[in-house]
């Protein structure tokens, strides 16, 4: 797997697809052994399915949608992806940033990636109940709104089957925010069906 700043891809090259993942700690293997996160598992899945593709993980722990927005143009230019997976927004909510700004940033990133010739997959998140039902609904719905507006693909909830598992604490690190390695295959299974349609 290539990490941001290495191995620029060539859009539509003989090597096949170039999948750029722009995410936060949930995609950056925070607290995990290197090579056990869902993005690495994605690379393995592509190889098993004999789908020619390069995966570039440009995820940064702690990143917000504003951070992703600031980084995106350079990443698009360097890697020339055929597909962009946007997994950002959780840190916006955890920091109480305005949801309108989060939606605007995701919309802008989706538009820019599409303008660069990439197919976009938005990966949504949901907030714990203690943030309030109304806030939780509005946060979850902004991913759907951007996907609908930009005609992009959508995974509604990256942690489906993890955060809402019968015993979710067993699947999270001690901070109760970041999933353990045991949860990563389920996270990939949540992303894979929608991404597979785009490949």
N, C-alpha and C. Protein backbone atom coordinates (compact mmCIF):
# COMPACT_ATOMS: atom_id res chain seq x y z
N UNK A 1 0.84 -1.19 0.00
CA UNK A 1 0.00 0.00 0.00
C UNK A 1 0.88 1.24 0.00
N UNK A 2 0.45 2.22 -0.73
CA UNK A 2 1.14 3.51 -0.71
C UNK A 2 0.55 4.38 0.37
N UNK A 3 1.40 5.14 1.01
CA UNK A 3 0.91 6.14 1.97
C UNK A 3 1.11 7.51 1.36
N UNK A 4 0.37 8.47 1.85
CA UNK A 4 0.37 9.81 1.26
C UNK A 4 1.78 10.33 1.10
N UNK A 5 2.06 10.85 -0.07
CA UNK A 5 3.37 11.41 -0.33
C UNK A 5 4.30 10.44 -1.04
N UNK A 6 3.80 9.22 -1.31
CA UNK A 6 4.63 8.23 -1.99
C UNK A 6 3.88 7.67 -3.18
N UNK A 7 4.62 7.18 -4.13
CA UNK A 7 4.07 6.46 -5.27
C UNK A 7 2.86 7.13 -5.90
N UNK A 8 3.05 8.23 -6.58
CA UNK A 8 1.92 8.86 -7.25
C UNK A 8 1.30 7.92 -8.27
N UNK A 9 -0.01 7.92 -8.32
CA UNK A 9 -0.70 7.05 -9.25
C UNK A 9 -0.93 7.75 -10.58
N UNK A 10 -1.24 6.97 -11.58
CA UNK A 10 -1.58 7.53 -12.88
C UNK A 10 -3.01 7.13 -13.20
N UNK A 11 -3.86 8.12 -13.32
CA UNK A 11 -5.28 7.90 -13.53
C UNK A 11 -5.50 7.05 -14.78
N UNK A 12 -6.15 5.87 -14.56
CA UNK A 12 -6.48 5.02 -15.69
C UNK A 12 -5.28 4.31 -16.28
N UNK A 13 -4.21 4.13 -15.51
CA UNK A 13 -3.01 3.47 -16.03
C UNK A 13 -3.25 1.98 -16.17
N UNK A 14 -2.24 1.30 -16.74
CA UNK A 14 -2.34 -0.14 -16.93
C UNK A 14 -2.43 -0.86 -15.58
N UNK A 15 -2.01 -0.20 -14.52
CA UNK A 15 -2.07 -0.81 -13.20
C UNK A 15 -3.49 -0.89 -12.67
N UNK A 16 -4.41 -0.25 -13.33
CA UNK A 16 -5.79 -0.29 -12.88
C UNK A 16 -6.16 0.92 -12.06
N UNK A 17 -7.09 0.72 -11.14
CA UNK A 17 -7.62 1.82 -10.36
C UNK A 17 -6.63 2.31 -9.31
N UNK A 18 -6.76 3.58 -8.97
CA UNK A 18 -6.02 4.16 -7.86
C UNK A 18 -7.06 4.67 -6.86
N UNK A 19 -7.10 4.04 -5.70
CA UNK A 19 -8.09 4.36 -4.68
C UNK A 19 -7.43 5.19 -3.59
N UNK A 20 -7.85 6.43 -3.48
CA UNK A 20 -7.31 7.34 -2.48
C UNK A 20 -8.28 7.41 -1.29
N UNK A 21 -7.79 7.05 -0.11
CA UNK A 21 -8.60 7.10 1.10
C UNK A 21 -8.17 8.32 1.91
N UNK A 22 -9.10 9.26 2.08
CA UNK A 22 -8.84 10.47 2.86
C UNK A 22 -9.70 10.38 4.12
N UNK A 23 -9.06 10.04 5.23
CA UNK A 23 -9.82 9.80 6.44
C UNK A 23 -9.11 10.30 7.68
N UNK A 24 -9.65 9.86 8.83
CA UNK A 24 -9.09 10.25 10.12
C UNK A 24 -8.54 9.01 10.82
N UNK A 25 -8.51 9.00 12.15
CA UNK A 25 -7.90 7.90 12.89
C UNK A 25 -8.59 6.56 12.63
N UNK A 26 -9.86 6.57 12.25
CA UNK A 26 -10.57 5.32 11.99
C UNK A 26 -10.01 4.60 10.77
N UNK A 27 -9.33 5.35 9.91
CA UNK A 27 -8.73 4.76 8.72
C UNK A 27 -7.20 4.77 8.78
N UNK A 28 -6.64 5.41 9.80
CA UNK A 28 -5.19 5.58 9.89
C UNK A 28 -4.53 4.58 10.84
N UNK A 29 -5.27 3.54 11.21
CA UNK A 29 -4.74 2.48 12.09
C UNK A 29 -4.31 3.00 13.46
N UNK A 30 -5.05 3.97 13.98
CA UNK A 30 -4.73 4.50 15.30
C UNK A 30 -4.82 3.40 16.36
N UNK A 31 -3.74 3.22 17.11
CA UNK A 31 -3.72 2.24 18.19
C UNK A 31 -3.66 0.80 17.73
N UNK A 32 -3.48 0.58 16.44
CA UNK A 32 -3.45 -0.78 15.89
C UNK A 32 -2.04 -1.12 15.39
N UNK A 33 -1.75 -2.40 15.30
CA UNK A 33 -0.51 -2.82 14.67
C UNK A 33 -0.57 -2.46 13.20
N UNK A 34 0.55 -1.99 12.66
CA UNK A 34 0.59 -1.58 11.26
C UNK A 34 0.19 -2.75 10.37
N UNK A 35 -0.73 -2.47 9.46
CA UNK A 35 -1.16 -3.51 8.52
C UNK A 35 -2.42 -4.25 8.94
N UNK A 36 -3.07 -3.81 10.04
CA UNK A 36 -4.27 -4.51 10.50
C UNK A 36 -5.55 -3.69 10.34
N UNK A 37 -5.44 -2.46 9.87
CA UNK A 37 -6.61 -1.60 9.70
C UNK A 37 -7.43 -1.98 8.48
N UNK A 38 -8.63 -1.44 8.40
CA UNK A 38 -9.55 -1.82 7.32
C UNK A 38 -9.03 -1.40 5.95
N UNK A 39 -8.21 -0.36 5.87
CA UNK A 39 -7.70 0.07 4.56
C UNK A 39 -6.68 -0.94 4.03
N UNK A 40 -5.85 -1.48 4.92
CA UNK A 40 -4.92 -2.54 4.52
C UNK A 40 -5.69 -3.79 4.13
N UNK A 41 -6.73 -4.10 4.89
CA UNK A 41 -7.56 -5.26 4.55
C UNK A 41 -8.24 -5.06 3.20
N UNK A 42 -8.55 -3.82 2.85
CA UNK A 42 -9.12 -3.53 1.54
C UNK A 42 -8.14 -3.90 0.44
N UNK A 43 -6.88 -3.55 0.64
CA UNK A 43 -5.87 -3.90 -0.36
C UNK A 43 -5.80 -5.41 -0.55
N UNK A 44 -5.87 -6.14 0.56
CA UNK A 44 -5.84 -7.61 0.49
C UNK A 44 -7.08 -8.15 -0.22
N UNK A 45 -8.22 -7.54 0.04
CA UNK A 45 -9.47 -7.98 -0.60
C UNK A 45 -9.40 -7.77 -2.12
N UNK A 46 -8.85 -6.65 -2.53
CA UNK A 46 -8.70 -6.37 -3.96
C UNK A 46 -7.82 -7.42 -4.62
N UNK A 47 -6.74 -7.79 -3.94
CA UNK A 47 -5.85 -8.81 -4.49
C UNK A 47 -6.55 -10.16 -4.59
N UNK A 48 -7.32 -10.51 -3.55
CA UNK A 48 -8.05 -11.78 -3.56
C UNK A 48 -9.08 -11.83 -4.69
N UNK A 49 -9.70 -10.66 -4.94
CA UNK A 49 -10.71 -10.59 -5.99
C UNK A 49 -10.10 -10.37 -7.38
N UNK A 50 -8.76 -10.29 -7.40
CA UNK A 50 -8.02 -10.06 -8.65
C UNK A 50 -8.47 -8.78 -9.36
N UNK A 51 -8.68 -7.74 -8.56
CA UNK A 51 -9.04 -6.43 -9.09
C UNK A 51 -7.79 -5.57 -9.08
N UNK A 52 -7.27 -5.19 -10.24
CA UNK A 52 -6.03 -4.40 -10.28
C UNK A 52 -6.26 -2.99 -9.73
N UNK A 53 -5.66 -2.70 -8.59
CA UNK A 53 -5.85 -1.40 -7.96
C UNK A 53 -4.73 -1.12 -6.99
N UNK A 54 -4.40 0.15 -6.88
CA UNK A 54 -3.45 0.63 -5.88
C UNK A 54 -4.23 1.41 -4.84
N UNK A 55 -3.96 1.16 -3.57
CA UNK A 55 -4.62 1.87 -2.49
C UNK A 55 -3.63 2.86 -1.87
N UNK A 56 -4.03 4.11 -1.81
CA UNK A 56 -3.22 5.15 -1.18
C UNK A 56 -3.95 5.62 0.07
N UNK A 57 -3.35 5.38 1.23
CA UNK A 57 -3.99 5.77 2.49
C UNK A 57 -3.46 7.14 2.92
N UNK A 58 -4.26 8.16 2.73
CA UNK A 58 -3.89 9.53 3.10
C UNK A 58 -4.63 9.97 4.36
N UNK A 59 -4.93 9.01 5.23
CA UNK A 59 -5.66 9.31 6.46
C UNK A 59 -4.73 9.83 7.53
N UNK A 60 -5.23 10.77 8.34
CA UNK A 60 -4.45 11.41 9.39
C UNK A 60 -5.27 11.41 10.68
N UNK A 61 -4.74 10.82 11.72
CA UNK A 61 -5.44 10.79 13.00
C UNK A 61 -5.75 12.21 13.47
N UNK A 62 -6.97 12.41 13.93
CA UNK A 62 -7.37 13.72 14.43
C UNK A 62 -7.85 14.69 13.37
N UNK A 63 -7.82 14.26 12.10
CA UNK A 63 -8.17 15.19 11.02
C UNK A 63 -9.66 15.51 11.02
N UNK A 64 -9.96 16.74 10.62
CA UNK A 64 -11.33 17.20 10.46
C UNK A 64 -11.63 17.35 8.97
N UNK A 65 -12.87 17.67 8.63
CA UNK A 65 -13.18 17.91 7.22
C UNK A 65 -12.45 19.14 6.70
N UNK A 66 -12.20 20.12 7.58
CA UNK A 66 -11.42 21.29 7.15
C UNK A 66 -10.00 20.90 6.82
N UNK A 67 -9.43 19.99 7.61
CA UNK A 67 -8.08 19.51 7.34
C UNK A 67 -8.02 18.74 6.04
N UNK A 68 -9.02 17.89 5.82
CA UNK A 68 -9.07 17.14 4.58
C UNK A 68 -9.22 18.06 3.39
N UNK A 69 -10.04 19.08 3.55
CA UNK A 69 -10.24 20.05 2.47
C UNK A 69 -8.93 20.75 2.13
N UNK A 70 -8.15 21.09 3.14
CA UNK A 70 -6.87 21.77 2.91
C UNK A 70 -5.86 20.87 2.21
N UNK A 71 -5.97 19.56 2.43
CA UNK A 71 -4.99 18.63 1.87
C UNK A 71 -5.38 18.07 0.51
N UNK A 72 -6.66 18.15 0.18
CA UNK A 72 -7.18 17.38 -0.95
C UNK A 72 -6.56 17.74 -2.30
N UNK A 73 -6.45 19.01 -2.61
CA UNK A 73 -5.97 19.41 -3.94
C UNK A 73 -4.59 18.81 -4.24
N UNK A 74 -3.69 18.86 -3.25
CA UNK A 74 -2.35 18.31 -3.45
C UNK A 74 -2.40 16.79 -3.63
N UNK A 75 -3.28 16.14 -2.88
CA UNK A 75 -3.41 14.68 -3.00
C UNK A 75 -3.95 14.27 -4.36
N UNK A 76 -4.93 15.01 -4.85
CA UNK A 76 -5.48 14.71 -6.17
C UNK A 76 -4.43 14.89 -7.26
N UNK A 77 -3.64 15.94 -7.12
CA UNK A 77 -2.61 16.21 -8.12
C UNK A 77 -1.52 15.15 -8.10
N UNK A 78 -1.13 14.75 -6.89
CA UNK A 78 -0.03 13.79 -6.75
C UNK A 78 -0.42 12.39 -7.18
N UNK A 79 -1.58 11.93 -6.73
CA UNK A 79 -1.95 10.52 -6.92
C UNK A 79 -2.88 10.27 -8.09
N UNK A 80 -3.54 11.31 -8.60
CA UNK A 80 -4.44 11.17 -9.74
C UNK A 80 -5.38 9.97 -9.59
N UNK A 81 -6.15 9.93 -8.50
CA UNK A 81 -6.97 8.74 -8.22
C UNK A 81 -8.13 8.58 -9.18
N UNK A 82 -8.51 7.32 -9.37
CA UNK A 82 -9.74 7.02 -10.11
C UNK A 82 -10.92 6.96 -9.15
N UNK A 83 -10.62 6.71 -7.88
CA UNK A 83 -11.64 6.62 -6.83
C UNK A 83 -11.15 7.32 -5.58
N UNK A 84 -12.05 8.05 -4.92
CA UNK A 84 -11.72 8.71 -3.66
C UNK A 84 -12.73 8.29 -2.60
N UNK A 85 -12.22 7.79 -1.48
CA UNK A 85 -13.05 7.42 -0.34
C UNK A 85 -12.87 8.50 0.72
N UNK A 86 -13.95 9.20 1.05
CA UNK A 86 -13.90 10.27 2.05
C UNK A 86 -14.48 9.77 3.37
N UNK A 87 -13.62 9.61 4.36
CA UNK A 87 -14.03 9.14 5.69
C UNK A 87 -13.62 10.21 6.70
N UNK A 88 -14.38 11.28 6.74
CA UNK A 88 -14.11 12.40 7.64
C UNK A 88 -15.42 12.93 8.22
N UNK A 89 -15.31 13.59 9.34
CA UNK A 89 -16.48 14.19 9.96
C UNK A 89 -16.61 13.89 11.44
N UNK A 90 -16.07 12.76 11.88
CA UNK A 90 -16.19 12.39 13.29
C UNK A 90 -15.56 13.42 14.22
N UNK A 91 -14.37 13.88 13.86
CA UNK A 91 -13.68 14.84 14.72
C UNK A 91 -14.37 16.20 14.72
N UNK A 92 -15.05 16.54 13.62
CA UNK A 92 -15.85 17.76 13.61
C UNK A 92 -16.91 17.70 14.72
N UNK A 93 -17.60 16.55 14.78
CA UNK A 93 -18.67 16.39 15.76
C UNK A 93 -18.13 16.33 17.18
N UNK A 94 -17.03 15.60 17.36
CA UNK A 94 -16.45 15.48 18.70
C UNK A 94 -15.99 16.84 19.23
N UNK A 95 -15.62 17.74 18.33
CA UNK A 95 -15.17 19.07 18.73
C UNK A 95 -16.31 20.10 18.73
N UNK A 96 -17.52 19.65 18.38
CA UNK A 96 -18.65 20.55 18.38
C UNK A 96 -18.62 21.60 17.30
N UNK A 97 -17.96 21.30 16.18
CA UNK A 97 -17.89 22.26 15.08
C UNK A 97 -19.26 22.35 14.39
N UNK A 98 -19.56 23.50 13.79
CA UNK A 98 -20.87 23.66 13.13
C UNK A 98 -21.09 22.62 12.04
N UNK A 99 -22.24 21.96 12.08
CA UNK A 99 -22.53 20.91 11.10
C UNK A 99 -22.62 21.47 9.69
N UNK A 100 -23.03 22.72 9.55
CA UNK A 100 -23.10 23.34 8.23
C UNK A 100 -21.71 23.40 7.59
N UNK A 101 -20.70 23.66 8.41
CA UNK A 101 -19.33 23.71 7.90
C UNK A 101 -18.86 22.32 7.48
N UNK A 102 -19.20 21.33 8.28
CA UNK A 102 -18.84 19.95 7.96
C UNK A 102 -19.45 19.55 6.62
N UNK A 103 -20.73 19.84 6.45
CA UNK A 103 -21.41 19.49 5.20
C UNK A 103 -20.80 20.24 4.02
N UNK A 104 -20.50 21.52 4.20
CA UNK A 104 -19.91 22.31 3.13
C UNK A 104 -18.55 21.75 2.73
N UNK A 105 -17.74 21.36 3.71
CA UNK A 105 -16.42 20.81 3.41
C UNK A 105 -16.52 19.49 2.66
N UNK A 106 -17.41 18.62 3.10
CA UNK A 106 -17.59 17.33 2.42
C UNK A 106 -18.11 17.54 1.00
N UNK A 107 -19.02 18.47 0.84
CA UNK A 107 -19.57 18.77 -0.48
C UNK A 107 -18.47 19.28 -1.41
N UNK A 108 -17.63 20.18 -0.89
CA UNK A 108 -16.54 20.74 -1.70
C UNK A 108 -15.55 19.66 -2.10
N UNK A 109 -15.18 18.80 -1.15
CA UNK A 109 -14.23 17.73 -1.45
C UNK A 109 -14.78 16.76 -2.47
N UNK A 110 -16.06 16.43 -2.34
CA UNK A 110 -16.69 15.52 -3.29
C UNK A 110 -16.69 16.14 -4.69
N UNK A 111 -17.05 17.39 -4.77
CA UNK A 111 -17.09 18.09 -6.05
C UNK A 111 -15.70 18.16 -6.68
N UNK A 112 -14.70 18.48 -5.89
CA UNK A 112 -13.33 18.59 -6.42
C UNK A 112 -12.80 17.24 -6.91
N UNK A 113 -13.08 16.20 -6.14
CA UNK A 113 -12.62 14.87 -6.55
C UNK A 113 -13.30 14.43 -7.84
N UNK A 114 -14.60 14.71 -7.95
CA UNK A 114 -15.32 14.35 -9.17
C UNK A 114 -14.81 15.17 -10.36
N UNK A 115 -14.51 16.43 -10.12
CA UNK A 115 -13.98 17.28 -11.19
C UNK A 115 -12.63 16.79 -11.68
N UNK A 116 -11.89 16.11 -10.79
CA UNK A 116 -10.59 15.55 -11.15
C UNK A 116 -10.72 14.19 -11.83
N UNK A 117 -11.96 13.74 -12.01
CA UNK A 117 -12.20 12.49 -12.73
C UNK A 117 -12.36 11.26 -11.85
N UNK A 118 -12.49 11.46 -10.54
CA UNK A 118 -12.60 10.32 -9.63
C UNK A 118 -14.06 10.05 -9.26
N UNK A 119 -14.35 8.79 -9.02
CA UNK A 119 -15.63 8.41 -8.44
C UNK A 119 -15.49 8.50 -6.92
N UNK A 120 -16.51 9.01 -6.26
CA UNK A 120 -16.40 9.31 -4.84
C UNK A 120 -17.33 8.41 -4.01
N UNK A 121 -16.77 7.88 -2.91
CA UNK A 121 -17.54 7.14 -1.93
C UNK A 121 -17.45 7.88 -0.60
N UNK A 122 -18.58 8.35 -0.11
CA UNK A 122 -18.65 8.99 1.20
C UNK A 122 -18.91 7.93 2.26
N UNK A 123 -18.12 7.99 3.32
CA UNK A 123 -18.28 7.03 4.41
C UNK A 123 -18.82 7.79 5.62
N UNK A 124 -20.06 7.50 5.97
CA UNK A 124 -20.73 8.24 7.03
C UNK A 124 -20.44 7.69 8.42
N UNK A 125 -20.78 8.52 9.41
CA UNK A 125 -20.63 8.14 10.81
C UNK A 125 -21.89 8.54 11.57
N UNK A 126 -22.00 8.00 12.76
CA UNK A 126 -23.09 8.37 13.67
C UNK A 126 -22.47 8.68 15.02
N UNK A 127 -23.13 9.55 15.77
CA UNK A 127 -22.61 9.95 17.07
C UNK A 127 -23.31 9.19 18.19
N UNK A 128 -22.63 8.99 19.34
CA UNK A 128 -23.26 8.32 20.48
C UNK A 128 -24.49 9.08 20.97
N UNK A 129 -25.41 8.38 21.63
CA UNK A 129 -26.67 9.01 22.07
C UNK A 129 -26.47 10.21 23.00
N UNK A 130 -25.35 10.23 23.72
CA UNK A 130 -25.15 11.32 24.69
C UNK A 130 -24.96 12.68 24.02
N UNK A 131 -24.82 12.70 22.70
CA UNK A 131 -24.73 13.97 21.99
C UNK A 131 -26.10 14.57 21.70
N UNK A 132 -27.13 13.80 22.00
CA UNK A 132 -28.49 14.29 21.77
C UNK A 132 -29.08 13.73 20.49
N UNK A 133 -30.35 13.35 20.53
CA UNK A 133 -30.99 12.71 19.39
C UNK A 133 -31.04 13.64 18.17
N UNK A 134 -31.37 14.89 18.40
CA UNK A 134 -31.49 15.83 17.28
C UNK A 134 -30.14 16.04 16.60
N UNK A 135 -29.11 16.26 17.41
CA UNK A 135 -27.77 16.46 16.85
C UNK A 135 -27.33 15.21 16.08
N UNK A 136 -27.59 14.06 16.68
CA UNK A 136 -27.22 12.81 16.03
C UNK A 136 -27.89 12.62 14.68
N UNK A 137 -29.19 12.96 14.61
CA UNK A 137 -29.91 12.83 13.35
C UNK A 137 -29.35 13.78 12.29
N UNK A 138 -29.12 15.02 12.71
CA UNK A 138 -28.61 16.01 11.75
C UNK A 138 -27.21 15.65 11.27
N UNK A 139 -26.38 15.12 12.16
CA UNK A 139 -25.02 14.73 11.77
C UNK A 139 -25.07 13.57 10.77
N UNK A 140 -25.84 12.54 11.08
CA UNK A 140 -25.91 11.38 10.19
C UNK A 140 -26.49 11.76 8.82
N UNK A 141 -27.45 12.69 8.82
CA UNK A 141 -28.13 13.03 7.56
C UNK A 141 -27.27 13.88 6.63
N UNK A 142 -26.25 14.55 7.15
CA UNK A 142 -25.47 15.42 6.26
C UNK A 142 -24.68 14.61 5.23
N UNK A 143 -24.26 13.41 5.60
CA UNK A 143 -23.55 12.55 4.63
C UNK A 143 -24.49 12.16 3.49
N UNK A 144 -25.71 11.81 3.85
CA UNK A 144 -26.72 11.45 2.85
C UNK A 144 -27.03 12.64 1.95
N UNK A 145 -27.09 13.82 2.54
CA UNK A 145 -27.42 15.02 1.76
C UNK A 145 -26.34 15.31 0.72
N UNK A 146 -25.08 15.19 1.12
CA UNK A 146 -23.98 15.44 0.19
C UNK A 146 -23.97 14.39 -0.92
N UNK A 147 -24.14 13.13 -0.53
CA UNK A 147 -24.14 12.05 -1.53
C UNK A 147 -25.25 12.25 -2.54
N UNK A 148 -26.41 12.66 -2.07
CA UNK A 148 -27.55 12.89 -2.97
C UNK A 148 -27.29 14.07 -3.89
N UNK A 149 -26.77 15.17 -3.33
CA UNK A 149 -26.52 16.38 -4.11
C UNK A 149 -25.48 16.13 -5.20
N UNK A 150 -24.43 15.38 -4.86
CA UNK A 150 -23.32 15.16 -5.80
C UNK A 150 -23.42 13.83 -6.54
N UNK A 151 -24.50 13.08 -6.29
CA UNK A 151 -24.67 11.76 -6.93
C UNK A 151 -23.45 10.88 -6.67
N UNK A 152 -23.01 10.88 -5.42
CA UNK A 152 -21.88 10.06 -4.99
C UNK A 152 -22.39 8.83 -4.26
N UNK A 153 -21.56 7.82 -4.15
CA UNK A 153 -21.92 6.61 -3.41
C UNK A 153 -21.81 6.89 -1.91
N UNK A 154 -22.52 6.09 -1.10
CA UNK A 154 -22.57 6.35 0.34
C UNK A 154 -22.57 5.05 1.13
N UNK A 155 -21.72 5.02 2.15
CA UNK A 155 -21.80 4.02 3.22
C UNK A 155 -22.37 4.77 4.42
N UNK A 156 -23.60 4.49 4.85
CA UNK A 156 -24.23 5.31 5.89
C UNK A 156 -23.48 5.32 7.23
N UNK A 157 -22.89 4.18 7.62
CA UNK A 157 -22.29 4.09 8.95
C UNK A 157 -21.12 3.12 8.94
N UNK A 158 -19.90 3.66 9.04
CA UNK A 158 -18.70 2.83 8.99
C UNK A 158 -18.67 1.79 10.11
N UNK A 159 -19.21 2.14 11.27
CA UNK A 159 -19.11 1.25 12.44
C UNK A 159 -20.37 0.42 12.67
N UNK A 160 -21.18 0.24 11.63
CA UNK A 160 -22.36 -0.63 11.75
C UNK A 160 -21.89 -2.05 12.10
N UNK A 161 -22.52 -2.64 13.10
CA UNK A 161 -22.10 -3.96 13.53
C UNK A 161 -20.94 -3.94 14.50
N UNK A 162 -20.42 -2.76 14.75
CA UNK A 162 -19.32 -2.58 15.71
C UNK A 162 -19.83 -1.76 16.90
N UNK A 163 -20.19 -0.51 16.62
CA UNK A 163 -20.70 0.35 17.69
C UNK A 163 -22.04 -0.13 18.23
N UNK A 164 -22.82 -0.82 17.37
CA UNK A 164 -24.13 -1.31 17.80
C UNK A 164 -24.14 -2.83 17.98
N UNK A 165 -22.95 -3.39 18.20
CA UNK A 165 -22.85 -4.84 18.45
C UNK A 165 -23.42 -5.17 19.82
N UNK A 166 -23.78 -6.44 20.07
CA UNK A 166 -24.32 -6.83 21.38
C UNK A 166 -23.40 -6.45 22.54
N UNK A 167 -22.08 -6.57 22.34
CA UNK A 167 -21.13 -6.19 23.37
C UNK A 167 -20.08 -5.28 22.75
N UNK A 168 -20.45 -4.04 22.43
CA UNK A 168 -19.56 -3.16 21.67
C UNK A 168 -18.24 -2.85 22.37
N UNK A 169 -18.23 -2.82 23.69
CA UNK A 169 -16.98 -2.48 24.37
C UNK A 169 -15.87 -3.47 24.06
N UNK A 170 -16.24 -4.70 23.73
CA UNK A 170 -15.24 -5.71 23.41
C UNK A 170 -14.54 -5.43 22.09
N UNK A 171 -15.16 -4.58 21.26
CA UNK A 171 -14.61 -4.29 19.94
C UNK A 171 -13.87 -2.96 19.89
N UNK A 172 -13.80 -2.27 21.03
CA UNK A 172 -13.15 -0.96 21.06
C UNK A 172 -11.92 -0.97 21.96
N UNK A 173 -10.98 -0.10 21.62
CA UNK A 173 -9.82 0.10 22.47
C UNK A 173 -10.28 0.75 23.78
N UNK A 174 -9.40 0.81 24.79
CA UNK A 174 -9.81 1.36 26.09
C UNK A 174 -10.42 2.77 26.04
N UNK A 175 -10.08 3.55 24.99
CA UNK A 175 -10.66 4.90 24.91
C UNK A 175 -12.13 4.89 24.49
N UNK A 176 -12.63 3.72 24.08
CA UNK A 176 -14.02 3.53 23.65
C UNK A 176 -14.39 4.38 22.44
N UNK A 177 -13.41 4.82 21.71
CA UNK A 177 -13.62 5.60 20.49
C UNK A 177 -13.09 4.85 19.27
N UNK A 178 -11.92 4.25 19.43
CA UNK A 178 -11.25 3.62 18.29
C UNK A 178 -11.42 2.09 18.32
N UNK A 179 -11.90 1.52 17.24
CA UNK A 179 -12.11 0.07 17.18
C UNK A 179 -10.80 -0.72 17.27
N UNK A 180 -10.90 -1.90 17.83
CA UNK A 180 -9.76 -2.82 17.91
C UNK A 180 -9.57 -3.52 16.56
N UNK A 181 -8.50 -4.25 16.45
CA UNK A 181 -8.21 -4.95 15.19
C UNK A 181 -9.32 -5.96 14.85
N UNK A 182 -9.96 -6.53 15.88
CA UNK A 182 -11.03 -7.50 15.63
C UNK A 182 -12.21 -6.88 14.90
N UNK A 183 -12.37 -5.55 14.99
CA UNK A 183 -13.50 -4.88 14.35
C UNK A 183 -13.21 -4.48 12.91
N UNK A 184 -11.96 -4.49 12.52
CA UNK A 184 -11.59 -3.97 11.20
C UNK A 184 -12.19 -4.75 10.03
N UNK A 185 -12.26 -6.09 10.09
CA UNK A 185 -12.91 -6.81 8.98
C UNK A 185 -14.36 -6.40 8.79
N UNK A 186 -15.08 -6.15 9.89
CA UNK A 186 -16.48 -5.73 9.77
C UNK A 186 -16.56 -4.35 9.14
N UNK A 187 -15.64 -3.47 9.50
CA UNK A 187 -15.62 -2.13 8.91
C UNK A 187 -15.40 -2.23 7.40
N UNK A 188 -14.47 -3.10 6.99
CA UNK A 188 -14.26 -3.29 5.55
C UNK A 188 -15.51 -3.85 4.89
N UNK A 189 -16.18 -4.78 5.56
CA UNK A 189 -17.40 -5.36 4.98
C UNK A 189 -18.49 -4.30 4.81
N UNK A 190 -18.47 -3.27 5.64
CA UNK A 190 -19.43 -2.17 5.48
C UNK A 190 -19.12 -1.31 4.26
N UNK A 191 -17.83 -1.15 3.98
CA UNK A 191 -17.40 -0.30 2.87
C UNK A 191 -17.41 -1.04 1.53
N UNK A 192 -17.03 -2.30 1.56
CA UNK A 192 -16.76 -3.05 0.33
C UNK A 192 -17.91 -3.09 -0.68
N UNK A 193 -19.15 -3.39 -0.29
CA UNK A 193 -20.20 -3.51 -1.31
C UNK A 193 -20.37 -2.25 -2.15
N UNK A 194 -20.32 -1.09 -1.50
CA UNK A 194 -20.49 0.16 -2.25
C UNK A 194 -19.25 0.47 -3.10
N UNK A 195 -18.08 0.23 -2.55
CA UNK A 195 -16.86 0.50 -3.32
C UNK A 195 -16.76 -0.46 -4.52
N UNK A 196 -17.14 -1.71 -4.30
CA UNK A 196 -17.06 -2.71 -5.37
C UNK A 196 -17.90 -2.29 -6.57
N UNK A 197 -19.05 -1.67 -6.33
CA UNK A 197 -19.91 -1.21 -7.41
C UNK A 197 -19.22 -0.14 -8.27
N UNK A 198 -18.33 0.62 -7.66
CA UNK A 198 -17.67 1.71 -8.38
C UNK A 198 -16.46 1.26 -9.17
N UNK A 199 -15.95 0.08 -8.86
CA UNK A 199 -14.72 -0.39 -9.51
C UNK A 199 -15.00 -1.07 -10.85
